[in-house]
N, C-alpha and C. Protein backbone atom coordinates (compact mmCIF):
# COMPACT_ATOMS: atom_id res chain seq x y z
N SER A 1 0.99 -1.52 0.02
CA SER A 1 -0.31 0.38 -0.45
C SER A 1 0.37 1.62 0.00
N MET A 2 2.17 0.99 0.46
CA MET A 2 2.99 2.86 0.28
C MET A 2 3.35 3.04 -1.07
N ALA A 3 3.63 1.87 -1.63
CA ALA A 3 3.80 2.49 -3.18
C ALA A 3 2.33 2.89 -3.66
N ALA A 4 1.38 3.15 -3.77
CA ALA A 4 0.40 3.81 -3.96
C ALA A 4 -0.56 5.11 -3.40
N LEU A 5 0.31 4.93 -2.25
CA LEU A 5 0.49 7.00 -1.44
C LEU A 5 0.73 7.26 -2.06
N ASP A 6 -0.20 8.67 -2.47
CA ASP A 6 0.62 10.13 -2.89
C ASP A 6 1.62 10.69 -2.15
N PRO A 7 3.26 11.10 -3.20
CA PRO A 7 4.57 11.33 -1.34
C PRO A 7 3.80 12.38 -1.36
N SER A 8 2.90 12.96 -1.43
CA SER A 8 2.58 14.09 -0.49
C SER A 8 1.08 14.50 0.40
N PHE A 9 1.03 12.93 0.51
CA PHE A 9 0.72 13.12 1.93
C PHE A 9 1.30 12.47 2.73
N VAL A 10 2.11 13.07 3.26
CA VAL A 10 2.92 12.20 4.70
C VAL A 10 2.52 11.83 5.32
N SER A 11 1.49 12.69 6.17
CA SER A 11 1.76 12.03 7.43
C SER A 11 0.74 10.37 7.08
N ASN A 12 0.02 9.87 5.73
CA ASN A 12 -0.70 8.83 5.61
C ASN A 12 0.71 7.57 5.22
N ARG A 13 1.84 8.13 4.81
CA ARG A 13 2.62 7.74 4.29
C ARG A 13 3.36 7.24 5.94
N ALA A 14 3.34 8.50 7.42
CA ALA A 14 3.66 8.19 8.28
C ALA A 14 3.65 7.17 9.08
N MET A 15 1.76 7.25 9.08
CA MET A 15 1.09 6.27 9.54
C MET A 15 0.98 4.37 8.62
N THR A 16 1.12 4.70 7.84
CA THR A 16 1.03 3.45 7.35
C THR A 16 2.58 3.14 7.25
N ALA A 17 3.46 3.66 7.33
CA ALA A 17 5.42 3.19 8.06
C ALA A 17 5.00 2.34 9.00
N VAL A 18 4.97 3.41 9.61
CA VAL A 18 4.50 3.18 11.34
C VAL A 18 3.59 1.96 11.62
N ASP A 19 2.25 1.64 10.78
CA ASP A 19 1.97 0.21 10.90
C ASP A 19 2.41 -0.95 10.24
N ILE A 20 3.12 -0.73 8.93
CA ILE A 20 4.14 -1.96 8.66
C ILE A 20 5.18 -1.89 9.59
N GLY A 21 5.28 -1.16 9.93
CA GLY A 21 6.81 -2.04 11.54
C GLY A 21 6.19 -2.26 12.34
N VAL A 22 4.60 -1.91 13.24
CA VAL A 22 4.50 -2.40 14.14
C VAL A 22 4.77 -3.89 14.14
N ALA A 23 4.02 -4.39 13.16
CA ALA A 23 3.95 -6.24 11.95
C ALA A 23 5.06 -6.87 12.17
N HIS A 24 6.83 -5.94 11.74
CA HIS A 24 6.91 -6.76 11.80
C HIS A 24 7.64 -7.38 13.09
N THR A 25 7.54 -5.97 14.06
CA THR A 25 7.43 -6.20 15.75
C THR A 25 6.44 -6.85 16.45
N ARG A 26 5.94 -7.23 16.26
CA ARG A 26 5.25 -8.62 16.21
C ARG A 26 5.27 -10.07 15.50
N ARG A 27 6.13 -10.22 14.72
CA ARG A 27 6.87 -11.22 13.10
C ARG A 27 8.36 -11.17 13.98
N ARG A 28 8.08 -9.89 15.34
CA ARG A 28 10.57 -10.22 15.99
C ARG A 28 11.48 -10.03 14.66
N GLU A 29 10.42 -9.08 14.00
CA GLU A 29 11.54 -9.11 13.08
C GLU A 29 11.91 -7.32 12.86
N ILE A 30 13.04 -7.33 14.29
CA ILE A 30 12.78 -5.66 14.79
C ILE A 30 13.98 -5.71 13.93
N ASP A 31 14.61 -5.82 13.72
CA ASP A 31 15.94 -5.11 12.54
C ASP A 31 15.17 -4.00 12.23
N GLU A 32 14.59 -4.76 11.33
CA GLU A 32 13.06 -4.00 9.96
C GLU A 32 12.18 -2.73 10.15
N ALA A 33 11.51 -4.06 11.19
CA ALA A 33 10.78 -2.41 12.20
C ALA A 33 11.45 -1.11 13.05
N ALA A 34 13.01 -1.27 13.47
CA ALA A 34 13.49 -0.30 14.12
C ALA A 34 14.27 0.86 12.66
N ARG A 35 13.79 -0.11 11.82
CA ARG A 35 13.89 0.99 10.62
C ARG A 35 13.50 2.04 10.09
N VAL A 36 11.82 0.48 9.31
CA VAL A 36 10.64 1.41 9.09
C VAL A 36 10.50 2.84 10.03
N ILE A 37 10.49 1.77 11.07
CA ILE A 37 9.56 3.72 12.27
C ILE A 37 10.85 4.70 12.26
N GLY A 38 11.31 4.41 12.53
CA GLY A 38 12.38 5.76 11.63
C GLY A 38 12.28 5.89 10.96
N ASP A 39 12.03 5.39 9.66
CA ASP A 39 11.93 6.32 8.29
C ASP A 39 10.44 6.89 8.67
N ALA A 40 9.24 6.87 9.32
CA ALA A 40 8.21 7.42 9.58
C ALA A 40 8.70 7.96 10.47
N ALA A 41 9.35 8.80 11.61
CA ALA A 41 9.52 8.97 12.66
C ALA A 41 10.67 10.10 11.33
N GLU A 42 11.39 10.26 11.30
CA GLU A 42 12.14 11.41 9.56
C GLU A 42 10.58 11.67 9.10
N LEU A 43 9.67 11.62 9.29
CA LEU A 43 8.86 12.42 8.27
C LEU A 43 8.33 13.19 8.83
N THR A 44 8.47 13.16 10.47
CA THR A 44 6.98 13.55 10.91
C THR A 44 8.48 15.40 11.02
N THR A 45 9.27 15.40 10.41
CA THR A 45 10.50 16.70 10.43
C THR A 45 9.17 17.46 9.13
N VAL A 46 8.51 16.61 8.76
CA VAL A 46 7.82 16.92 7.32
C VAL A 46 6.30 17.64 8.70
N ASN A 47 5.57 16.58 8.70
CA ASN A 47 4.50 17.03 9.79
C ASN A 47 4.89 16.36 10.99
N HIS A 48 5.13 17.49 11.32
CA HIS A 48 4.37 17.39 13.51
C HIS A 48 3.55 17.10 13.76
N SER A 49 2.71 16.37 13.60
CA SER A 49 1.21 16.01 13.93
C SER A 49 1.59 15.34 15.64
N ALA A 50 0.65 15.55 16.13
CA ALA A 50 0.65 14.95 17.38
C ALA A 50 0.41 13.49 17.89
N ARG A 51 -0.67 13.17 16.79
CA ARG A 51 -1.18 11.66 16.80
C ARG A 51 0.17 11.18 15.89
N LEU A 52 0.41 11.43 15.75
CA LEU A 52 1.90 10.53 14.74
C LEU A 52 2.68 11.04 15.85
N VAL A 53 2.59 11.40 16.61
CA VAL A 53 3.93 11.33 17.62
C VAL A 53 4.27 10.06 18.09
N THR A 54 2.65 10.44 18.63
CA THR A 54 1.75 9.14 19.29
C THR A 54 2.07 8.12 19.57
N VAL A 55 1.72 7.69 18.05
CA VAL A 55 1.66 6.26 17.02
C VAL A 55 3.25 5.89 17.83
N ILE A 56 4.63 6.73 17.54
CA ILE A 56 6.00 5.87 16.70
C ILE A 56 5.54 6.40 18.26
N ARG A 57 5.91 6.42 19.25
CA ARG A 57 6.67 6.28 20.54
C ARG A 57 5.33 5.26 20.74
N GLY A 58 4.39 4.86 20.11
CA GLY A 58 4.14 3.40 20.79
C GLY A 58 4.52 2.07 20.43
N ALA A 59 5.27 2.14 18.89
CA ALA A 59 5.03 2.11 18.37
C ALA A 59 6.82 1.49 18.96
N ARG A 60 7.96 2.70 19.34
CA ARG A 60 9.31 2.47 19.55
C ARG A 60 8.55 1.64 20.94
N LEU A 61 7.69 2.19 22.08
CA LEU A 61 7.42 0.90 22.93
C LEU A 61 7.80 0.11 23.36
N ALA A 62 6.41 -0.77 21.86
CA ALA A 62 6.35 -2.07 21.44
C ALA A 62 7.62 -3.02 21.96
N MET A 63 8.73 -2.50 21.06
CA MET A 63 10.06 -2.29 21.25
C MET A 63 10.86 -2.86 22.20
N GLN A 64 10.22 -2.54 23.27
CA GLN A 64 11.28 -2.09 24.75
C GLN A 64 11.59 -2.89 24.68
N ASP A 65 11.39 -4.51 24.92
CA ASP A 65 12.10 -6.27 25.33
C ASP A 65 13.16 -6.52 24.35
N TRP A 66 13.94 -5.50 23.00
CA TRP A 66 14.93 -5.54 22.54
C TRP A 66 15.33 -4.45 22.69
N HIS A 67 15.67 -3.20 23.86
CA HIS A 67 15.91 -2.69 23.30
C HIS A 67 17.86 -1.97 23.92
N THR A 68 17.91 -3.74 23.96
CA THR A 68 19.61 -3.16 23.75
C THR A 68 20.01 -3.63 22.88
N SER A 69 19.41 -4.10 21.32
CA SER A 69 19.43 -5.12 20.55
C SER A 69 20.02 -2.88 19.59
N PRO A 70 20.99 -3.31 18.51
CA PRO A 70 21.59 -2.42 17.93
C PRO A 70 20.45 -1.90 16.62
N ALA A 71 19.96 -2.93 16.17
CA ALA A 71 18.42 -1.91 15.56
C ALA A 71 18.10 -1.99 15.99
N VAL A 72 17.25 -0.77 17.62
CA VAL A 72 16.42 -0.60 18.45
C VAL A 72 17.22 0.65 19.13
N ARG A 73 18.52 0.11 19.37
CA ARG A 73 20.02 1.54 20.26
C ARG A 73 19.41 2.49 19.11
N ALA A 74 20.35 2.35 17.72
CA ALA A 74 19.64 3.21 16.05
C ALA A 74 18.92 3.13 16.41
N LEU A 75 18.16 3.38 16.54
CA LEU A 75 16.09 3.90 15.77
C LEU A 75 16.20 4.83 17.07
N ASP A 76 16.82 4.28 19.08
CA ASP A 76 16.74 5.42 19.99
C ASP A 76 17.38 7.48 19.70
N ASP A 77 18.27 6.76 18.62
CA ASP A 77 19.60 7.93 18.37
C ASP A 77 18.80 8.97 17.10
N ARG A 78 17.69 7.42 16.37
CA ARG A 78 17.64 8.49 15.64
C ARG A 78 16.13 9.49 15.94
N LEU A 79 15.39 8.10 16.58
CA LEU A 79 14.91 9.80 17.29
C LEU A 79 14.99 10.88 18.04
N ALA A 80 16.11 10.52 18.63
CA ALA A 80 16.19 11.58 19.48
C ALA A 80 16.61 13.01 17.99
N CYS A 81 17.60 12.54 17.15
CA CYS A 81 18.11 13.90 16.14
C CYS A 81 16.79 14.44 16.11
N TYR A 82 15.41 13.25 15.90
CA TYR A 82 14.72 14.53 15.54
C TYR A 82 13.07 14.91 16.26
N GLY A 83 14.14 15.25 17.68
CA GLY A 83 13.23 15.40 18.44
C GLY A 83 12.34 14.48 18.91
N PHE A 84 13.12 13.80 19.39
CA PHE A 84 11.60 11.94 20.18
C PHE A 84 13.39 12.79 21.71
N ALA A 85 12.55 13.09 22.75
CA ALA A 85 12.71 12.61 23.96
C ALA A 85 13.49 11.27 24.45
N PRO A 86 14.29 10.92 24.98
CA PRO A 86 14.89 9.40 25.60
C PRO A 86 13.48 8.81 26.41
N SER A 87 13.37 9.87 27.39
CA SER A 87 11.50 9.86 27.77
C SER A 87 10.71 9.41 27.67
N GLY A 88 10.70 9.36 26.43
CA GLY A 88 8.96 9.49 25.66
C GLY A 88 8.17 11.46 26.02
N LYS A 89 9.14 11.59 26.21
CA LYS A 89 8.32 13.84 26.13
C LYS A 89 9.53 14.04 24.58
N THR A 90 8.66 14.82 24.12
CA THR A 90 8.99 15.68 23.15
C THR A 90 9.45 17.07 23.66
C-alpha cells in the first residue's frame, strides 16, 4: 500500500510506515521494524502531528524487549535526532 500512496500525503505515508513497523515487531523482525519506524519518524520533520508522534512512541515502546539490540539503539538515536526525547517526552 505504500507504493500506492501519493508522496504529498506525508501523514498517511508515516502512519502506514508505523503500521508496517508494528507488524514487523509482532513478527519479531526487529531490525526491519526499527528501520521502518525510524523512516516514519523522519517524516515528522515534515509533518509534526501530535497523533503521529504518539503512534511512533507507542511503536517504539512495543520494541522495549529489544532495547539493547543494535537496531533499537540506532532507532533511539534517530528518534533523538528528530526531537523525540529518550523518556518519551518531546
